[in-house]
Amino acid sequence: MDEAIAFRIAQNDNVATALCPIEPGTVRLTGADGLPAVQALESIPMGHKLALRDIAANEPIVKYGVTIGQATQPITTGSWVHLHCMKSNYDERSSHLDPVTGAPQDIRYE
């Protein structure tokens, strides 16, 4: 299996972006100095976020050195950070989208 790699954009980010699909195990971090690696606890799709530390419910999700959202539940280091456990500061509808498909769940289509 290829090495799992995630990119930490800014020093104060509490998430990193998966540069490839990640399976549970060691993930090497590139980008901002700091942590050399983190243990992924679950599968994380490429382009999605990986928690670099424990994040409490209602705590900011920081990426690009800025707050991009808020945790809707406690998030454990190494977990997948996406719409199932956070809400976006930039898209009010994000909490109504399916975390895997992105399909709206607040509208019924017939």
PDB file of N, CA and C in Angstrom:
ATOM      1  N   MET A   1       0.839  -1.187   0.000  1.00  0.00           N
ATOM      2  CA  MET A   1       0.000   0.000   0.000  1.00  0.00           C
ATOM      3  C   MET A   1       0.878   1.241   0.000  1.00  0.00           C
ATOM      4  N   ASP A   2       0.496   2.274  -0.747  1.00  0.00           N
ATOM      5  CA  ASP A   2       1.238   3.529  -0.783  1.00  0.00           C
ATOM      6  C   ASP A   2       1.138   4.254   0.551  1.00  0.00           C
ATOM      7  N   GLU A   3       2.108   5.127   0.777  1.00  0.00           N
ATOM      8  CA  GLU A   3       2.131   5.915   2.005  1.00  0.00           C
ATOM      9  C   GLU A   3       0.961   6.896   2.035  1.00  0.00           C
ATOM     10  N   ALA A   4       0.287   6.986   3.176  1.00  0.00           N
ATOM     11  CA  ALA A   4      -0.798   7.947   3.364  1.00  0.00           C
ATOM     12  C   ALA A   4      -0.199   9.296   3.735  1.00  0.00           C
ATOM     13  N   ILE A   5      -0.636  10.345   3.033  1.00  0.00           N
ATOM     14  CA  ILE A   5      -0.100  11.685   3.254  1.00  0.00           C
ATOM     15  C   ILE A   5      -1.247  12.684   3.356  1.00  0.00           C
ATOM     16  N   ALA A   6      -1.117  13.614   4.286  1.00  0.00           N
ATOM     17  CA  ALA A   6      -2.077  14.712   4.425  1.00  0.00           C
ATOM     18  C   ALA A   6      -1.300  16.018   4.517  1.00  0.00           C
ATOM     19  N   PHE A   7      -1.925  17.103   4.074  1.00  0.00           N
ATOM     20  CA  PHE A   7      -1.283  18.409   4.009  1.00  0.00           C
ATOM     21  C   PHE A   7      -1.862  19.340   5.058  1.00  0.00           C
ATOM     22  N   ARG A   8      -0.991  19.839   5.928  1.00  0.00           N
ATOM     23  CA  ARG A   8      -1.376  20.829   6.938  1.00  0.00           C
ATOM     24  C   ARG A   8      -0.992  22.192   6.376  1.00  0.00           C
ATOM     25  N   ILE A   9      -1.967  23.031   6.124  1.00  0.00           N
ATOM     26  CA  ILE A   9      -1.731  24.291   5.422  1.00  0.00           C
ATOM     27  C   ILE A   9      -1.061  25.338   6.315  1.00  0.00           C
ATOM     28  N   ALA A  10      -1.587  25.548   7.500  1.00  0.00           N
ATOM     29  CA  ALA A  10      -1.062  26.590   8.398  1.00  0.00           C
ATOM     30  C   ALA A  10      -0.737  25.987   9.764  1.00  0.00           C
ATOM     31  N   GLN A  11       0.185  26.603  10.458  1.00  0.00           N
ATOM     32  CA  GLN A  11       0.675  26.112  11.747  1.00  0.00           C
ATOM     33  C   GLN A  11      -0.453  25.913  12.763  1.00  0.00           C
ATOM     34  N   ASN A  12      -1.463  26.784  12.767  1.00  0.00           N
ATOM     35  CA  ASN A  12      -2.523  26.675  13.774  1.00  0.00           C
ATOM     36  C   ASN A  12      -3.734  25.856  13.305  1.00  0.00           C
ATOM     37  N   ASP A  13      -3.642  25.210  12.137  1.00  0.00           N
ATOM     38  CA  ASP A  13      -4.740  24.350  11.673  1.00  0.00           C
ATOM     39  C   ASP A  13      -4.924  23.167  12.607  1.00  0.00           C
ATOM     40  N   ASN A  14      -6.184  22.806  12.879  1.00  0.00           N
ATOM     41  CA  ASN A  14      -6.443  21.594  13.669  1.00  0.00           C
ATOM     42  C   ASN A  14      -6.930  20.447  12.783  1.00  0.00           C
ATOM     43  N   VAL A  15      -6.880  20.661  11.453  1.00  0.00           N
ATOM     44  CA  VAL A  15      -7.176  19.612  10.477  1.00  0.00           C
ATOM     45  C   VAL A  15      -6.130  19.661   9.365  1.00  0.00           C
ATOM     46  N   ALA A  16      -5.962  18.529   8.688  1.00  0.00           N
ATOM     47  CA  ALA A  16      -5.095  18.441   7.511  1.00  0.00           C
ATOM     48  C   ALA A  16      -5.934  17.847   6.384  1.00  0.00           C
ATOM     49  N   THR A  17      -5.534  18.099   5.141  1.00  0.00           N
ATOM     50  CA  THR A  17      -6.265  17.604   3.973  1.00  0.00           C
ATOM     51  C   THR A  17      -5.605  16.340   3.438  1.00  0.00           C
ATOM     52  N   ALA A  18      -6.404  15.289   3.244  1.00  0.00           N
ATOM     53  CA  ALA A  18      -5.899  14.019   2.718  1.00  0.00           C
ATOM     54  C   ALA A  18      -5.490  14.200   1.257  1.00  0.00           C
ATOM     55  N   LEU A  19      -4.238  13.906   0.936  1.00  0.00           N
ATOM     56  CA  LEU A  19      -3.739  14.019  -0.436  1.00  0.00           C
ATOM     57  C   LEU A  19      -3.958  12.740  -1.232  1.00  0.00           C
ATOM     58  N   CYS A  20      -4.475  11.718  -0.570  1.00  0.00           N
ATOM     59  CA  CYS A  20      -4.802  10.433  -1.200  1.00  0.00           C
ATOM     60  C   CYS A  20      -5.849   9.789  -0.305  1.00  0.00           C
ATOM     61  N   PRO A  21      -6.521   8.751  -0.766  1.00  0.00           N
ATOM     62  CA  PRO A  21      -7.428   8.056   0.155  1.00  0.00           C
ATOM     63  C   PRO A  21      -6.626   7.505   1.341  1.00  0.00           C
ATOM     64  N   ILE A  22      -7.157   7.666   2.524  1.00  0.00           N
ATOM     65  CA  ILE A  22      -6.464   7.247   3.745  1.00  0.00           C
ATOM     66  C   ILE A  22      -7.238   6.113   4.401  1.00  0.00           C
ATOM     67  N   GLU A  23      -6.496   5.098   4.820  1.00  0.00           N
ATOM     68  CA  GLU A  23      -7.050   3.991   5.596  1.00  0.00           C
ATOM     69  C   GLU A  23      -6.489   4.105   7.017  1.00  0.00           C
ATOM     70  N   PRO A  24      -7.101   3.442   8.000  1.00  0.00           N
ATOM     71  CA  PRO A  24      -6.580   3.513   9.368  1.00  0.00           C
ATOM     72  C   PRO A  24      -5.091   3.173   9.414  1.00  0.00           C
ATOM     73  N   GLY A  25      -4.354   3.964  10.177  1.00  0.00           N
ATOM     74  CA  GLY A  25      -2.911   3.769  10.319  1.00  0.00           C
ATOM     75  C   GLY A  25      -2.183   5.101  10.270  1.00  0.00           C
ATOM     76  N   THR A  26      -0.881   5.034  10.100  1.00  0.00           N
ATOM     77  CA  THR A  26      -0.030   6.227  10.134  1.00  0.00           C
ATOM     78  C   THR A  26      -0.206   7.079   8.884  1.00  0.00           C
ATOM     79  N   VAL A  27      -0.374   8.382   9.108  1.00  0.00           N
ATOM     80  CA  VAL A  27      -0.492   9.355   8.024  1.00  0.00           C
ATOM     81  C   VAL A  27       0.644  10.363   8.201  1.00  0.00           C
ATOM     82  N   ARG A  28       1.496  10.470   7.179  1.00  0.00           N
ATOM     83  CA  ARG A  28       2.583  11.450   7.210  1.00  0.00           C
ATOM     84  C   ARG A  28       2.015  12.822   6.865  1.00  0.00           C
ATOM     85  N   LEU A  29       2.451  13.839   7.606  1.00  0.00           N
ATOM     86  CA  LEU A  29       1.990  15.205   7.367  1.00  0.00           C
ATOM     87  C   LEU A  29       3.047  16.005   6.619  1.00  0.00           C
ATOM     88  N   THR A  30       2.597  16.775   5.648  1.00  0.00           N
ATOM     89  CA  THR A  30       3.462  17.707   4.937  1.00  0.00           C
ATOM     90  C   THR A  30       2.885  19.100   5.130  1.00  0.00           C
ATOM     91  N   GLY A  31       3.631  20.104   4.699  1.00  0.00           N
ATOM     92  CA  GLY A  31       3.140  21.474   4.815  1.00  0.00           C
ATOM     93  C   GLY A  31       3.730  22.166   6.022  1.00  0.00           C
ATOM     94  N   ALA A  32       2.874  22.831   6.790  1.00  0.00           N
ATOM     95  CA  ALA A  32       3.320  23.609   7.946  1.00  0.00           C
ATOM     96  C   ALA A  32       4.102  22.734   8.925  1.00  0.00           C
ATOM     97  N   ASP A  33       5.142  23.308   9.501  1.00  0.00           N
ATOM     98  CA  ASP A  33       5.950  22.583  10.482  1.00  0.00           C
ATOM     99  C   ASP A  33       5.099  22.168  11.667  1.00  0.00           C
ATOM    100  N   GLY A  34       5.523  21.164  12.336  1.00  0.00           N
ATOM    101  CA  GLY A  34       4.805  20.700  13.517  1.00  0.00           C
ATOM    102  C   GLY A  34       4.785  19.199  13.575  1.00  0.00           C
ATOM    103  N   LEU A  35       3.610  18.634  13.678  1.00  0.00           N
ATOM    104  CA  LEU A  35       3.455  17.188  13.799  1.00  0.00           C
ATOM    105  C   LEU A  35       4.021  16.464  12.584  1.00  0.00           C
ATOM    106  N   PRO A  36       4.829  15.425  12.790  1.00  0.00           N
ATOM    107  CA  PRO A  36       5.352  14.668  11.649  1.00  0.00           C
ATOM    108  C   PRO A  36       4.343  13.657  11.110  1.00  0.00           C
ATOM    109  N   ALA A  37       3.449  13.163  11.988  1.00  0.00           N
ATOM    110  CA  ALA A  37       2.492  12.137  11.585  1.00  0.00           C
ATOM    111  C   ALA A  37       1.329  12.112  12.570  1.00  0.00           C
ATOM    112  N   VAL A  38       0.250  11.485  12.144  1.00  0.00           N
ATOM    113  CA  VAL A  38      -0.917  11.271  13.000  1.00  0.00           C
ATOM    114  C   VAL A  38      -1.485   9.897  12.644  1.00  0.00           C
ATOM    115  N   GLN A  39      -2.148   9.261  13.587  1.00  0.00           N
ATOM    116  CA  GLN A  39      -2.755   7.953  13.350  1.00  0.00           C
ATOM    117  C   GLN A  39      -4.212   8.138  12.918  1.00  0.00           C
ATOM    118  N   ALA A  40      -4.523   7.771  11.680  1.00  0.00           N
ATOM    119  CA  ALA A  40      -5.905   7.820  11.201  1.00  0.00           C
ATOM    120  C   ALA A  40      -6.692   6.695  11.866  1.00  0.00           C
ATOM    121  N   LEU A  41      -7.891   7.003  12.322  1.00  0.00           N
ATOM    122  CA  LEU A  41      -8.737   6.027  12.993  1.00  0.00           C
ATOM    123  C   LEU A  41      -9.734   5.359  12.050  1.00  0.00           C
ATOM    124  N   GLU A  42      -9.930   5.972  10.874  1.00  0.00           N
ATOM    125  CA  GLU A  42     -10.939   5.475   9.947  1.00  0.00           C
ATOM    126  C   GLU A  42     -10.552   5.855   8.522  1.00  0.00           C
ATOM    127  N   SER A  43     -11.288   5.338   7.569  1.00  0.00           N
ATOM    128  CA  SER A  43     -11.055   5.692   6.169  1.00  0.00           C
ATOM    129  C   SER A  43     -11.451   7.148   5.944  1.00  0.00           C
ATOM    130  N   ILE A  44     -10.616   7.864   5.176  1.00  0.00           N
ATOM    131  CA  ILE A  44     -10.866   9.271   4.875  1.00  0.00           C
ATOM    132  C   ILE A  44     -10.661   9.462   3.375  1.00  0.00           C
ATOM    133  N   PRO A  45     -11.684   9.951   2.678  1.00  0.00           N
ATOM    134  CA  PRO A  45     -11.542  10.151   1.229  1.00  0.00           C
ATOM    135  C   PRO A  45     -10.508  11.234   0.891  1.00  0.00           C
ATOM    136  N   MET A  46      -9.893  11.104  -0.268  1.00  0.00           N
ATOM    137  CA  MET A  46      -8.950  12.112  -0.742  1.00  0.00           C
ATOM    138  C   MET A  46      -9.651  13.472  -0.800  1.00  0.00           C
ATOM    139  N   GLY A  47      -8.949  14.502  -0.344  1.00  0.00           N
ATOM    140  CA  GLY A  47      -9.486  15.859  -0.352  1.00  0.00           C
ATOM    141  C   GLY A  47     -10.275  16.224   0.889  1.00  0.00           C
ATOM    142  N   HIS A  48     -10.527  15.239   1.753  1.00  0.00           N
ATOM    143  CA  HIS A  48     -11.287  15.506   2.968  1.00  0.00           C
ATOM    144  C   HIS A  48     -10.339  15.773   4.137  1.00  0.00           C
ATOM    145  N   LYS A  49     -10.905  16.196   5.261  1.00  0.00           N
ATOM    146  CA  LYS A  49     -10.112  16.626   6.404  1.00  0.00           C
ATOM    147  C   LYS A  49      -9.910  15.514   7.433  1.00  0.00           C
ATOM    148  N   LEU A  50      -8.732  15.560   8.065  1.00  0.00           N
ATOM    149  CA  LEU A  50      -8.305  14.647   9.120  1.00  0.00           C
ATOM    150  C   LEU A  50      -8.032  15.485  10.362  1.00  0.00           C
ATOM    151  N   ALA A  51      -8.615  15.106  11.499  1.00  0.00           N
ATOM    152  CA  ALA A  51      -8.383  15.839  12.748  1.00  0.00           C
ATOM    153  C   ALA A  51      -6.963  15.614  13.246  1.00  0.00           C
ATOM    154  N   LEU A  52      -6.252  16.699  13.528  1.00  0.00           N
ATOM    155  CA  LEU A  52      -4.872  16.624  14.017  1.00  0.00           C
ATOM    156  C   LEU A  52      -4.794  16.575  15.539  1.00  0.00           C
ATOM    157  N   ARG A  53      -5.894  16.858  16.184  1.00  0.00           N
ATOM    158  CA  ARG A  53      -5.988  16.793  17.645  1.00  0.00           C
ATOM    159  C   ARG A  53      -7.454  16.619  18.007  1.00  0.00           C
ATOM    160  N   ASP A  54      -7.713  16.332  19.266  1.00  0.00           N
ATOM    161  CA  ASP A  54      -9.107  16.253  19.708  1.00  0.00           C
ATOM    162  C   ASP A  54      -9.744  17.638  19.569  1.00  0.00           C
ATOM    163  N   ILE A  55     -10.957  17.666  19.076  1.00  0.00           N
ATOM    164  CA  ILE A  55     -11.703  18.908  18.883  1.00  0.00           C
ATOM    165  C   ILE A  55     -13.037  18.750  19.616  1.00  0.00           C
ATOM    166  N   ALA A  56     -13.322  19.647  20.537  1.00  0.00           N
ATOM    167  CA  ALA A  56     -14.551  19.567  21.333  1.00  0.00           C
ATOM    168  C   ALA A  56     -15.758  20.037  20.517  1.00  0.00           C
ATOM    169  N   ALA A  57     -16.932  19.579  20.904  1.00  0.00           N
ATOM    170  CA  ALA A  57     -18.168  20.063  20.285  1.00  0.00           C
ATOM    171  C   ALA A  57     -18.216  21.585  20.408  1.00  0.00           C
ATOM    172  N   ASN A  58     -18.641  22.251  19.354  1.00  0.00           N
ATOM    173  CA  ASN A  58     -18.752  23.715  19.261  1.00  0.00           C
ATOM    174  C   ASN A  58     -17.417  24.431  19.103  1.00  0.00           C
ATOM    175  N   GLU A  59     -16.313  23.690  19.064  1.00  0.00           N
ATOM    176  CA  GLU A  59     -14.999  24.306  18.870  1.00  0.00           C
ATOM    177  C   GLU A  59     -14.789  24.604  17.383  1.00  0.00           C
ATOM    178  N   PRO A  60     -14.055  25.669  17.072  1.00  0.00           N
ATOM    179  CA  PRO A  60     -13.792  25.996  15.667  1.00  0.00           C
ATOM    180  C   PRO A  60     -12.981  24.919  14.952  1.00  0.00           C
ATOM    181  N   ILE A  61     -13.286  24.715  13.663  1.00  0.00           N
ATOM    182  CA  ILE A  61     -12.473  23.902  12.769  1.00  0.00           C
ATOM    183  C   ILE A  61     -11.596  24.899  12.023  1.00  0.00           C
ATOM    184  N   VAL A  62     -10.271  24.754  12.134  1.00  0.00           N
ATOM    185  CA  VAL A  62      -9.337  25.721  11.568  1.00  0.00           C
ATOM    186  C   VAL A  62      -8.562  25.089  10.417  1.00  0.00           C
ATOM    187  N   LYS A  63      -8.659  25.717   9.244  1.00  0.00           N
ATOM    188  CA  LYS A  63      -7.944  25.304   8.039  1.00  0.00           C
ATOM    189  C   LYS A  63      -7.566  26.584   7.315  1.00  0.00           C
ATOM    190  N   TYR A  64      -6.444  26.589   6.630  1.00  0.00           N
ATOM    191  CA  TYR A  64      -5.925  27.805   5.976  1.00  0.00           C
ATOM    192  C   TYR A  64      -5.549  28.866   7.011  1.00  0.00           C
ATOM    193  N   GLY A  65      -5.448  28.467   8.286  1.00  0.00           N
ATOM    194  CA  GLY A  65      -5.149  29.431   9.341  1.00  0.00           C
ATOM    195  C   GLY A  65      -6.361  30.239   9.770  1.00  0.00           C
ATOM    196  N   VAL A  66      -7.550  29.896   9.271  1.00  0.00           N
ATOM    197  CA  VAL A  66      -8.784  30.610   9.630  1.00  0.00           C
ATOM    198  C   VAL A  66      -9.867  29.596  10.017  1.00  0.00           C
ATOM    199  N   THR A  67     -10.835  30.060  10.760  1.00  0.00           N
ATOM    200  CA  THR A  67     -11.954  29.210  11.137  1.00  0.00           C
ATOM    201  C   THR A  67     -12.862  29.017   9.934  1.00  0.00           C
ATOM    202  N   ILE A  68     -13.062  27.747   9.541  1.00  0.00           N
ATOM    203  CA  ILE A  68     -13.929  27.449   8.396  1.00  0.00           C
ATOM    204  C   ILE A  68     -15.259  26.846   8.829  1.00  0.00           C
ATOM    205  N   GLY A  69     -15.361  26.438  10.095  1.00  0.00           N
ATOM    206  CA  GLY A  69     -16.586  25.820  10.572  1.00  0.00           C
ATOM    207  C   GLY A  69     -16.523  25.568  12.054  1.00  0.00           C
ATOM    208  N   GLN A  70     -17.473  24.755  12.511  1.00  0.00           N
ATOM    209  CA  GLN A  70     -17.585  24.477  13.931  1.00  0.00           C
ATOM    210  C   GLN A  70     -17.947  23.001  14.100  1.00  0.00           C
ATOM    211  N   ALA A  71     -17.312  22.363  15.067  1.00  0.00           N
ATOM    212  CA  ALA A  71     -17.622  20.959  15.359  1.00  0.00           C
ATOM    213  C   ALA A  71     -19.031  20.862  15.925  1.00  0.00           C
ATOM    214  N   THR A  72     -19.808  19.908  15.429  1.00  0.00           N
ATOM    215  CA  THR A  72     -21.162  19.694  15.937  1.00  0.00           C
ATOM    216  C   THR A  72     -21.202  18.582  16.985  1.00  0.00           C
ATOM    217  N   GLN A  73     -20.051  17.931  17.177  1.00  0.00           N
ATOM    218  CA  GLN A  73     -19.903  16.868  18.171  1.00  0.00           C
ATOM    219  C   GLN A  73     -18.411  16.745  18.471  1.00  0.00           C
ATOM    220  N   PRO A  74     -18.034  16.045  19.544  1.00  0.00           N
ATOM    221  CA  PRO A  74     -16.604  15.849  19.801  1.00  0.00           C
ATOM    222  C   PRO A  74     -15.968  15.069  18.648  1.00  0.00           C
ATOM    223  N   ILE A  75     -14.750  15.463  18.262  1.00  0.00           N
ATOM    224  CA  ILE A  75     -14.011  14.814  17.179  1.00  0.00           C
ATOM    225  C   ILE A  75     -12.677  14.351  17.747  1.00  0.00           C
ATOM    226  N   THR A  76     -12.370  13.085  17.575  1.00  0.00           N
ATOM    227  CA  THR A  76     -11.143  12.494  18.098  1.00  0.00           C
ATOM    228  C   THR A  76      -9.996  12.652  17.106  1.00  0.00           C
ATOM    229  N   THR A  77      -8.792  12.879  17.619  1.00  0.00           N
ATOM    230  CA  THR A  77      -7.590  12.927  16.783  1.00  0.00           C
ATOM    231  C   THR A  77      -7.575  11.735  15.833  1.00  0.00           C
ATOM    232  N   GLY A  78      -7.323  11.994  14.552  1.00  0.00           N
ATOM    233  CA  GLY A  78      -7.249  10.926  13.563  1.00  0.00           C
ATOM    234  C   GLY A  78      -8.562  10.605  12.882  1.00  0.00           C
ATOM    235  N   SER A  79      -9.618  11.314  13.247  1.00  0.00           N
ATOM    236  CA  SER A  79     -10.935  11.060  12.657  1.00  0.00           C
ATOM    237  C   SER A  79     -11.164  11.887  11.403  1.00  0.00           C
ATOM    238  N   TRP A  80     -12.113  11.427  10.595  1.00  0.00           N
ATOM    239  CA  TRP A  80     -12.574  12.131   9.409  1.00  0.00           C
ATOM    240  C   TRP A  80     -13.406  13.324   9.853  1.00  0.00           C
ATOM    241  N   VAL A  81     -13.080  14.512   9.355  1.00  0.00           N
ATOM    242  CA  VAL A  81     -13.816  15.732   9.688  1.00  0.00           C
ATOM    243  C   VAL A  81     -14.561  16.166   8.431  1.00  0.00           C
ATOM    244  N   HIS A  82     -15.885  16.054   8.486  1.00  0.00           N
ATOM    245  CA  HIS A  82     -16.712  16.402   7.332  1.00  0.00           C
ATOM    246  C   HIS A  82     -18.105  16.781   7.834  1.00  0.00           C
ATOM    247  N   LEU A  83     -19.079  16.820   6.952  1.00  0.00           N
ATOM    248  CA  LEU A  83     -20.411  17.316   7.284  1.00  0.00           C
ATOM    249  C   LEU A  83     -21.138  16.515   8.359  1.00  0.00           C
ATOM    250  N   HIS A  84     -20.697  15.301   8.631  1.00  0.00           N
ATOM    251  CA  HIS A  84     -21.339  14.494   9.663  1.00  0.00           C
ATOM    252  C   HIS A  84     -20.948  14.929  11.073  1.00  0.00           C
ATOM    253  N   CYS A  85     -19.872  15.735  11.205  1.00  0.00           N
ATOM    254  CA  CYS A  85     -19.417  16.136  12.541  1.00  0.00           C
ATOM    255  C   CYS A  85     -19.059  17.618  12.635  1.00  0.00           C
ATOM    256  N   MET A  86     -19.346  18.375  11.577  1.00  0.00           N
ATOM    257  CA  MET A  86     -19.078  19.820  11.600  1.00  0.00           C
ATOM    258  C   MET A  86     -20.095  20.540  10.730  1.00  0.00           C
ATOM    259  N   LYS A  87     -20.194  21.849  10.941  1.00  0.00           N
ATOM    260  CA  LYS A  87     -20.994  22.672  10.041  1.00  0.00           C
ATOM    261  C   LYS A  87     -20.090  23.779   9.512  1.00  0.00           C
ATOM    262  N   SER A  88     -20.341  24.170   8.297  1.00  0.00           N
ATOM    263  CA  SER A  88     -19.525  25.173   7.623  1.00  0.00           C
ATOM    264  C   SER A  88     -19.926  26.573   8.043  1.00  0.00           C
ATOM    265  N   ASN A  89     -18.955  27.459   8.147  1.00  0.00           N
ATOM    266  CA  ASN A  89     -19.242  28.874   8.376  1.00  0.00           C
ATOM    267  C   ASN A  89     -19.634  29.571   7.077  1.00  0.00           C
ATOM    268  N   TYR A  90     -19.395  28.909   5.961  1.00  0.00           N
ATOM    269  CA  TYR A  90     -19.573  29.548   4.656  1.00  0.00           C
ATOM    270  C   TYR A  90     -20.793  29.058   3.900  1.00  0.00           C
ATOM    271  N   ASP A  91     -21.381  27.962   4.311  1.00  0.00           N
ATOM    272  CA  ASP A  91     -22.527  27.409   3.613  1.00  0.00           C
ATOM    273  C   ASP A  91     -23.546  26.943   4.642  1.00  0.00           C
ATOM    274  N   GLU A  92     -24.587  27.749   4.854  1.00  0.00           N
ATOM    275  CA  GLU A  92     -25.588  27.412   5.859  1.00  0.00           C
ATOM    276  C   GLU A  92     -26.270  26.083   5.583  1.00  0.00           C
ATOM    277  N   ARG A  93     -26.340  25.679   4.320  1.00  0.00           N
ATOM    278  CA  ARG A  93     -27.017  24.430   3.982  1.00  0.00           C
ATOM    279  C   ARG A  93     -26.133  23.221   4.207  1.00  0.00           C
ATOM    280  N   SER A  94     -24.860  23.401   4.510  1.00  0.00           N
ATOM    281  CA  SER A  94     -23.948  22.251   4.607  1.00  0.00           C
ATOM    282  C   SER A  94     -24.420  21.213   5.609  1.00  0.00           C
ATOM    283  N   SER A  95     -25.091  21.614   6.663  1.00  0.00           N
ATOM    284  CA  SER A  95     -25.550  20.652   7.663  1.00  0.00           C
ATOM    285  C   SER A  95     -26.726  19.812   7.163  1.00  0.00           C
ATOM    286  N   HIS A  96     -27.282  20.168   6.000  1.00  0.00           N
ATOM    287  CA  HIS A  96     -28.397  19.423   5.427  1.00  0.00           C
ATOM    288  C   HIS A  96     -27.972  18.550   4.250  1.00  0.00           C
ATOM    289  N   LEU A  97     -26.659  18.465   3.984  1.00  0.00           N
ATOM    290  CA  LEU A  97     -26.169  17.678   2.855  1.00  0.00           C
ATOM    291  C   LEU A  97     -25.656  16.325   3.324  1.00  0.00           C
ATOM    292  N   ASP A  98     -25.896  15.292   2.515  1.00  0.00           N
ATOM    293  CA  ASP A  98     -25.373  13.966   2.824  1.00  0.00           C
ATOM    294  C   ASP A  98     -23.851  14.039   2.819  1.00  0.00           C
ATOM    295  N   PRO A  99     -23.176  13.542   3.877  1.00  0.00           N
ATOM    296  CA  PRO A  99     -21.721  13.689   3.956  1.00  0.00           C
ATOM    297  C   PRO A  99     -20.947  12.952   2.867  1.00  0.00           C
ATOM    298  N   VAL A 100     -21.526  11.934   2.274  1.00  0.00           N
ATOM    299  CA  VAL A 100     -20.816  11.170   1.250  1.00  0.00           C
ATOM    300  C   VAL A 100     -21.145  11.668  -0.148  1.00  0.00           C
ATOM    301  N   THR A 101     -22.437  11.839  -0.435  1.00  0.00           N
ATOM    302  CA  THR A 101     -22.839  12.212  -1.795  1.00  0.00           C
ATOM    303  C   THR A 101     -22.988  13.711  -2.002  1.00  0.00           C
ATOM    304  N   GLY A 102     -23.192  14.465  -0.919  1.00  0.00           N
ATOM    305  CA  GLY A 102     -23.439  15.899  -1.037  1.00  0.00           C
ATOM    306  C   GLY A 102     -24.870  16.231  -1.406  1.00  0.00           C
ATOM    307  N   ALA A 103     -25.726  15.227  -1.507  1.00  0.00           N
ATOM    308  CA  ALA A 103     -27.130  15.448  -1.883  1.00  0.00           C
ATOM    309  C   ALA A 103     -27.884  16.131  -0.744  1.00  0.00           C
ATOM    310  N   PRO A 104     -28.755  17.087  -1.071  1.00  0.00           N
ATOM    311  CA  PRO A 104     -29.552  17.754  -0.034  1.00  0.00           C
ATOM    312  C   PRO A 104     -30.481  16.767   0.660  1.00  0.00           C
ATOM    313  N   GLN A 105     -30.597  16.880   1.970  1.00  0.00           N
ATOM    314  CA  GLN A 105     -31.493  16.029   2.721  1.00  0.00           C
ATOM    315  C   GLN A 105     -32.649  16.828   3.315  1.00  0.00           C
ATOM    316  N   ASP A 106     -32.665  18.131   3.059  1.00  0.00           N
ATOM    317  CA  ASP A 106     -33.726  18.979   3.603  1.00  0.00           C
ATOM    318  C   ASP A 106     -34.811  19.289   2.567  1.00  0.00           C
ATOM    319  N   ILE A 107     -34.670  18.729   1.375  1.00  0.00           N
ATOM    320  CA  ILE A 107     -35.628  18.951   0.293  1.00  0.00           C
ATOM    321  C   ILE A 107     -36.063  17.593  -0.236  1.00  0.00           C
ATOM    322  N   ARG A 108     -37.330  17.425  -0.412  1.00  0.00           N
ATOM    323  CA  ARG A 108     -37.827  16.158  -0.979  1.00  0.00           C
ATOM    324  C   ARG A 108     -38.053  16.342  -2.475  1.00  0.00           C
ATOM    325  N   TYR A 109     -37.421  15.502  -3.257  1.00  0.00           N
ATOM    326  CA  TYR A 109     -37.586  15.542  -4.705  1.00  0.00           C
ATOM    327  C   TYR A 109     -38.531  14.424  -5.114  1.00  0.00           C
ATOM    328  N   GLU A 110     -39.484  14.748  -5.970  1.00  0.00           N
ATOM    329  CA  GLU A 110     -40.426  13.729  -6.437  1.00  0.00           C
ATOM    330  C   GLU A 110     -40.350  13.584  -7.934  1.00  0.00           C
TER     331      GLU A 110
END
